[in-house]
């Protein structure tokens, strides 16, 4: 995983589609969903860490 698109593809594997026309809201929802998948042990720790890092980096771009 290297991009937000890759994170979206990870979520799609679990039937999770996120699009609200508000990029920042989308990123926040993605972060929440990633955390839930990790809590339910559906994704590995490495994938969780990388996905959260990518989403947070993208959030920082939009908050500036």
PDB file of N, CA and C in Angstrom:
ATOM      1  N   UNK A   1       0.842  -1.184   0.000  1.00  0.00           N
ATOM      2  CA  UNK A   1       0.000   0.000   0.000  1.00  0.00           C
ATOM      3  C   UNK A   1       0.884   1.242   0.000  1.00  0.00           C
ATOM      4  N   UNK A   2       0.548   2.141  -0.925  1.00  0.00           N
ATOM      5  CA  UNK A   2       1.315   3.372  -1.011  1.00  0.00           C
ATOM      6  C   UNK A   2       0.444   4.616  -1.112  1.00  0.00           C
ATOM      7  N   UNK A   3      -0.818   4.446  -1.515  1.00  0.00           N
ATOM      8  CA  UNK A   3      -1.679   5.603  -1.735  1.00  0.00           C
ATOM      9  C   UNK A   3      -3.036   5.402  -1.064  1.00  0.00           C
ATOM     10  N   UNK A   4      -3.802   6.482  -1.030  1.00  0.00           N
ATOM     11  CA  UNK A   4      -5.157   6.413  -0.486  1.00  0.00           C
ATOM     12  C   UNK A   4      -5.997   5.461  -1.335  1.00  0.00           C
ATOM     13  N   UNK A   5      -5.741   5.440  -2.621  1.00  0.00           N
ATOM     14  CA  UNK A   5      -6.457   4.512  -3.501  1.00  0.00           C
ATOM     15  C   UNK A   5      -6.241   3.065  -3.044  1.00  0.00           C
ATOM     16  N   UNK A   6      -5.015   2.740  -2.658  1.00  0.00           N
ATOM     17  CA  UNK A   6      -4.716   1.392  -2.164  1.00  0.00           C
ATOM     18  C   UNK A   6      -5.495   1.088  -0.888  1.00  0.00           C
ATOM     19  N   UNK A   7      -5.631   2.092  -0.019  1.00  0.00           N
ATOM     20  CA  UNK A   7      -6.408   1.924   1.215  1.00  0.00           C
ATOM     21  C   UNK A   7      -7.872   1.683   0.857  1.00  0.00           C
ATOM     22  N   UNK A   8      -8.376   2.427  -0.127  1.00  0.00           N
ATOM     23  CA  UNK A   8      -9.761   2.231  -0.566  1.00  0.00           C
ATOM     24  C   UNK A   8      -9.969   0.821  -1.108  1.00  0.00           C
ATOM     25  N   UNK A   9      -8.976   0.300  -1.820  1.00  0.00           N
ATOM     26  CA  UNK A   9      -9.070  -1.070  -2.336  1.00  0.00           C
ATOM     27  C   UNK A   9      -9.076  -2.088  -1.194  1.00  0.00           C
ATOM     28  N   UNK A  10      -8.311  -1.831  -0.150  1.00  0.00           N
ATOM     29  CA  UNK A  10      -8.320  -2.694   1.036  1.00  0.00           C
ATOM     30  C   UNK A  10      -9.714  -2.724   1.645  1.00  0.00           C
ATOM     31  N   UNK A  11     -10.321  -1.556   1.796  1.00  0.00           N
ATOM     32  CA  UNK A  11     -11.667  -1.477   2.375  1.00  0.00           C
ATOM     33  C   UNK A  11     -12.695  -2.165   1.478  1.00  0.00           C
ATOM     34  N   UNK A  12     -12.540  -2.036   0.169  1.00  0.00           N
ATOM     35  CA  UNK A  12     -13.481  -2.668  -0.764  1.00  0.00           C
ATOM     36  C   UNK A  12     -13.470  -4.188  -0.639  1.00  0.00           C
ATOM     37  N   UNK A  13     -12.327  -4.751  -0.267  1.00  0.00           N
ATOM     38  CA  UNK A  13     -12.262  -6.201  -0.076  1.00  0.00           C
ATOM     39  C   UNK A  13     -13.247  -6.672   0.980  1.00  0.00           C
ATOM     40  N   UNK A  14     -13.616  -5.760   1.884  1.00  0.00           N
ATOM     41  CA  UNK A  14     -14.548  -6.090   2.968  1.00  0.00           C
ATOM     42  C   UNK A  14     -15.928  -5.488   2.725  1.00  0.00           C
ATOM     43  N   UNK A  15     -16.162  -5.007   1.507  1.00  0.00           N
ATOM     44  CA  UNK A  15     -17.469  -4.452   1.165  1.00  0.00           C
ATOM     45  C   UNK A  15     -17.696  -3.057   1.698  1.00  0.00           C
ATOM     46  N   UNK A  16     -16.632  -2.329   1.965  1.00  0.00           N
ATOM     47  CA  UNK A  16     -16.750  -0.978   2.516  1.00  0.00           C
ATOM     48  C   UNK A  16     -16.418   0.035   1.426  1.00  0.00           C
ATOM     49  N   UNK A  17     -17.426   0.821   1.044  1.00  0.00           N
ATOM     50  CA  UNK A  17     -17.255   1.855   0.031  1.00  0.00           C
ATOM     51  C   UNK A  17     -17.537   3.205   0.680  1.00  0.00           C
ATOM     52  N   UNK A  18     -16.589   4.125   0.575  1.00  0.00           N
ATOM     53  CA  UNK A  18     -16.731   5.424   1.221  1.00  0.00           C
ATOM     54  C   UNK A  18     -16.579   6.530   0.190  1.00  0.00           C
ATOM     55  N   UNK A  19     -17.633   7.326   0.030  1.00  0.00           N
ATOM     56  CA  UNK A  19     -17.561   8.510  -0.813  1.00  0.00           C
ATOM     57  C   UNK A  19     -18.683   9.458  -0.411  1.00  0.00           C
ATOM     58  N   UNK A  20     -18.310  10.617   0.127  1.00  0.00           N
ATOM     59  CA  UNK A  20     -19.308  11.589   0.581  1.00  0.00           C
ATOM     60  C   UNK A  20     -19.172  12.932  -0.107  1.00  0.00           C
ATOM     61  N   UNK A  21     -18.278  13.062  -1.068  1.00  0.00           N
ATOM     62  CA  UNK A  21     -17.956  14.308  -1.761  1.00  0.00           C
ATOM     63  C   UNK A  21     -17.174  15.274  -0.881  1.00  0.00           C
ATOM     64  N   UNK A  22     -16.928  14.901   0.358  1.00  0.00           N
ATOM     65  CA  UNK A  22     -16.112  15.702   1.283  1.00  0.00           C
ATOM     66  C   UNK A  22     -14.863  14.870   1.592  1.00  0.00           C
ATOM     67  N   UNK A  23     -13.744  15.249   0.985  1.00  0.00           N
ATOM     68  CA  UNK A  23     -12.527  14.441   1.081  1.00  0.00           C
ATOM     69  C   UNK A  23     -12.089  14.229   2.523  1.00  0.00           C
ATOM     70  N   UNK A  24     -12.139  15.263   3.341  1.00  0.00           N
ATOM     71  CA  UNK A  24     -11.704  15.135   4.731  1.00  0.00           C
ATOM     72  C   UNK A  24     -12.617  14.186   5.506  1.00  0.00           C
ATOM     73  N   UNK A  25     -13.914  14.276   5.267  1.00  0.00           N
ATOM     74  CA  UNK A  25     -14.857  13.366   5.927  1.00  0.00           C
ATOM     75  C   UNK A  25     -14.614  11.925   5.467  1.00  0.00           C
ATOM     76  N   UNK A  26     -14.332  11.753   4.178  1.00  0.00           N
ATOM     77  CA  UNK A  26     -14.018  10.417   3.655  1.00  0.00           C
ATOM     78  C   UNK A  26     -12.813   9.828   4.380  1.00  0.00           C
ATOM     79  N   UNK A  27     -11.779  10.634   4.540  1.00  0.00           N
ATOM     80  CA  UNK A  27     -10.551  10.155   5.192  1.00  0.00           C
ATOM     81  C   UNK A  27     -10.813   9.774   6.648  1.00  0.00           C
ATOM     82  N   UNK A  28     -11.632  10.576   7.334  1.00  0.00           N
ATOM     83  CA  UNK A  28     -11.952  10.268   8.732  1.00  0.00           C
ATOM     84  C   UNK A  28     -12.740   8.963   8.828  1.00  0.00           C
ATOM     85  N   UNK A  29     -13.671   8.762   7.892  1.00  0.00           N
ATOM     86  CA  UNK A  29     -14.447   7.518   7.888  1.00  0.00           C
ATOM     87  C   UNK A  29     -13.557   6.324   7.571  1.00  0.00           C
ATOM     88  N   UNK A  30     -12.612   6.514   6.645  1.00  0.00           N
ATOM     89  CA  UNK A  30     -11.680   5.435   6.318  1.00  0.00           C
ATOM     90  C   UNK A  30     -10.877   5.038   7.546  1.00  0.00           C
ATOM     91  N   UNK A  31     -10.407   6.038   8.288  1.00  0.00           N
ATOM     92  CA  UNK A  31      -9.629   5.754   9.502  1.00  0.00           C
ATOM     93  C   UNK A  31     -10.460   4.954  10.501  1.00  0.00           C
ATOM     94  N   UNK A  32     -11.707   5.350  10.688  1.00  0.00           N
ATOM     95  CA  UNK A  32     -12.593   4.628  11.610  1.00  0.00           C
ATOM     96  C   UNK A  32     -12.804   3.184  11.162  1.00  0.00           C
ATOM     97  N   UNK A  33     -13.034   2.993   9.876  1.00  0.00           N
ATOM     98  CA  UNK A  33     -13.268   1.644   9.356  1.00  0.00           C
ATOM     99  C   UNK A  33     -12.025   0.769   9.477  1.00  0.00           C
ATOM    100  N   UNK A  34     -10.866   1.348   9.228  1.00  0.00           N
ATOM    101  CA  UNK A  34      -9.611   0.598   9.361  1.00  0.00           C
ATOM    102  C   UNK A  34      -9.421   0.150  10.806  1.00  0.00           C
ATOM    103  N   UNK A  35      -9.707   1.048  11.740  1.00  0.00           N
ATOM    104  CA  UNK A  35      -9.586   0.703  13.163  1.00  0.00           C
ATOM    105  C   UNK A  35     -10.536  -0.433  13.526  1.00  0.00           C
ATOM    106  N   UNK A  36     -11.767  -0.376  13.005  1.00  0.00           N
ATOM    107  CA  UNK A  36     -12.735  -1.435  13.295  1.00  0.00           C
ATOM    108  C   UNK A  36     -12.292  -2.776  12.722  1.00  0.00           C
ATOM    109  N   UNK A  37     -11.778  -2.761  11.497  1.00  0.00           N
ATOM    110  CA  UNK A  37     -11.291  -4.006  10.897  1.00  0.00           C
ATOM    111  C   UNK A  37     -10.158  -4.598  11.718  1.00  0.00           C
ATOM    112  N   UNK A  38      -9.293  -3.740  12.228  1.00  0.00           N
ATOM    113  CA  UNK A  38      -8.179  -4.225  13.042  1.00  0.00           C
ATOM    114  C   UNK A  38      -8.676  -4.781  14.383  1.00  0.00           C
ATOM    115  N   UNK A  39      -9.626  -4.098  14.999  1.00  0.00           N
ATOM    116  CA  UNK A  39     -10.181  -4.581  16.268  1.00  0.00           C
ATOM    117  C   UNK A  39     -10.828  -5.952  16.112  1.00  0.00           C
ATOM    118  N   UNK A  40     -11.454  -6.159  14.952  1.00  0.00           N
ATOM    119  CA  UNK A  40     -12.108  -7.444  14.699  1.00  0.00           C
ATOM    120  C   UNK A  40     -11.125  -8.476  14.153  1.00  0.00           C
ATOM    121  N   UNK A  41      -9.844  -8.102  14.099  1.00  0.00           N
ATOM    122  CA  UNK A  41      -8.755  -8.975  13.644  1.00  0.00           C
ATOM    123  C   UNK A  41      -8.964  -9.455  12.210  1.00  0.00           C
ATOM    124  N   UNK A  42      -9.478  -8.567  11.369  1.00  0.00           N
ATOM    125  CA  UNK A  42      -9.690  -8.915   9.964  1.00  0.00           C
ATOM    126  C   UNK A  42      -8.529  -8.452   9.087  1.00  0.00           C
ATOM    127  N   UNK A  43      -7.701  -7.543   9.622  1.00  0.00           N
ATOM    128  CA  UNK A  43      -6.480  -7.143   8.919  1.00  0.00           C
ATOM    129  C   UNK A  43      -5.304  -7.272   9.881  1.00  0.00           C
ATOM    130  N   UNK A  44      -4.138  -7.470   9.328  1.00  0.00           N
ATOM    131  CA  UNK A  44      -2.936  -7.650  10.146  1.00  0.00           C
ATOM    132  C   UNK A  44      -2.431  -6.305  10.652  1.00  0.00           C
ATOM    133  N   UNK A  45      -1.595  -6.367  11.673  1.00  0.00           N
ATOM    134  CA  UNK A  45      -1.054  -5.160  12.289  1.00  0.00           C
ATOM    135  C   UNK A  45      -0.271  -4.324  11.281  1.00  0.00           C
ATOM    136  N   UNK A  46       0.489  -4.980  10.421  1.00  0.00           N
ATOM    137  CA  UNK A  46       1.288  -4.250   9.428  1.00  0.00           C
ATOM    138  C   UNK A  46       0.388  -3.468   8.477  1.00  0.00           C
ATOM    139  N   UNK A  47      -0.665  -4.107   7.965  1.00  0.00           N
ATOM    140  CA  UNK A  47      -1.603  -3.420   7.076  1.00  0.00           C
ATOM    141  C   UNK A  47      -2.306  -2.283   7.798  1.00  0.00           C
ATOM    142  N   UNK A  48      -2.668  -2.503   9.053  1.00  0.00           N
ATOM    143  CA  UNK A  48      -3.303  -1.465   9.862  1.00  0.00           C
ATOM    144  C   UNK A  48      -2.398  -0.249   9.994  1.00  0.00           C
ATOM    145  N   UNK A  49      -1.163  -0.467  10.350  1.00  0.00           N
ATOM    146  CA  UNK A  49      -0.226   0.637  10.549  1.00  0.00           C
ATOM    147  C   UNK A  49       0.004   1.427   9.270  1.00  0.00           C
ATOM    148  N   UNK A  50       0.221   0.727   8.173  1.00  0.00           N
ATOM    149  CA  UNK A  50       0.474   1.395   6.901  1.00  0.00           C
ATOM    150  C   UNK A  50      -0.756   2.184   6.459  1.00  0.00           C
ATOM    151  N   UNK A  51      -1.925   1.580   6.556  1.00  0.00           N
ATOM    152  CA  UNK A  51      -3.156   2.251   6.126  1.00  0.00           C
ATOM    153  C   UNK A  51      -3.430   3.501   6.954  1.00  0.00           C
ATOM    154  N   UNK A  52      -3.268   3.400   8.264  1.00  0.00           N
ATOM    155  CA  UNK A  52      -3.492   4.560   9.130  1.00  0.00           C
ATOM    156  C   UNK A  52      -2.492   5.666   8.798  1.00  0.00           C
ATOM    157  N   UNK A  53      -1.246   5.310   8.581  1.00  0.00           N
ATOM    158  CA  UNK A  53      -0.227   6.295   8.236  1.00  0.00           C
ATOM    159  C   UNK A  53      -0.580   7.021   6.942  1.00  0.00           C
ATOM    160  N   UNK A  54      -0.985   6.288   5.928  1.00  0.00           N
ATOM    161  CA  UNK A  54      -1.352   6.886   4.645  1.00  0.00           C
ATOM    162  C   UNK A  54      -2.535   7.832   4.804  1.00  0.00           C
ATOM    163  N   UNK A  55      -3.562   7.386   5.513  1.00  0.00           N
ATOM    164  CA  UNK A  55      -4.760   8.214   5.702  1.00  0.00           C
ATOM    165  C   UNK A  55      -4.423   9.482   6.486  1.00  0.00           C
ATOM    166  N   UNK A  56      -3.639   9.362   7.521  1.00  0.00           N
ATOM    167  CA  UNK A  56      -3.288  10.543   8.327  1.00  0.00           C
ATOM    168  C   UNK A  56      -2.417  11.528   7.558  1.00  0.00           C
ATOM    169  N   UNK A  57      -1.524  11.023   6.717  1.00  0.00           N
ATOM    170  CA  UNK A  57      -0.716  11.916   5.892  1.00  0.00           C
ATOM    171  C   UNK A  57      -1.600  12.697   4.931  1.00  0.00           C
ATOM    172  N   UNK A  58      -2.578  12.023   4.362  1.00  0.00           N
ATOM    173  CA  UNK A  58      -3.498  12.687   3.438  1.00  0.00           C
ATOM    174  C   UNK A  58      -4.372  13.699   4.180  1.00  0.00           C
ATOM    175  N   UNK A  59      -4.781  13.362   5.412  1.00  0.00           N
ATOM    176  CA  UNK A  59      -5.562  14.303   6.218  1.00  0.00           C
ATOM    177  C   UNK A  59      -4.756  15.575   6.483  1.00  0.00           C
ATOM    178  N   UNK A  60      -3.482  15.409   6.776  1.00  0.00           N
ATOM    179  CA  UNK A  60      -2.630  16.575   7.042  1.00  0.00           C
ATOM    180  C   UNK A  60      -2.533  17.474   5.825  1.00  0.00           C
ATOM    181  N   UNK A  61      -2.526  16.923   4.628  1.00  0.00           N
ATOM    182  CA  UNK A  61      -2.483  17.726   3.411  1.00  0.00           C
ATOM    183  C   UNK A  61      -3.724  18.609   3.297  1.00  0.00           C
ATOM    184  N   UNK A  62      -4.893  18.058   3.663  1.00  0.00           N
ATOM    185  CA  UNK A  62      -6.150  18.791   3.527  1.00  0.00           C
ATOM    186  C   UNK A  62      -6.404  19.755   4.670  1.00  0.00           C
ATOM    187  N   UNK A  63      -5.777  19.550   5.812  1.00  0.00           N
ATOM    188  CA  UNK A  63      -5.978  20.436   6.956  1.00  0.00           C
ATOM    189  C   UNK A  63      -5.144  21.701   6.856  1.00  0.00           C
ATOM    190  N   UNK A  64      -4.122  21.682   6.005  1.00  0.00           N
ATOM    191  CA  UNK A  64      -3.259  22.866   5.872  1.00  0.00           C
ATOM    192  C   UNK A  64      -3.877  23.944   5.061  1.00  0.00           C
TER     193      UNK A  64
END
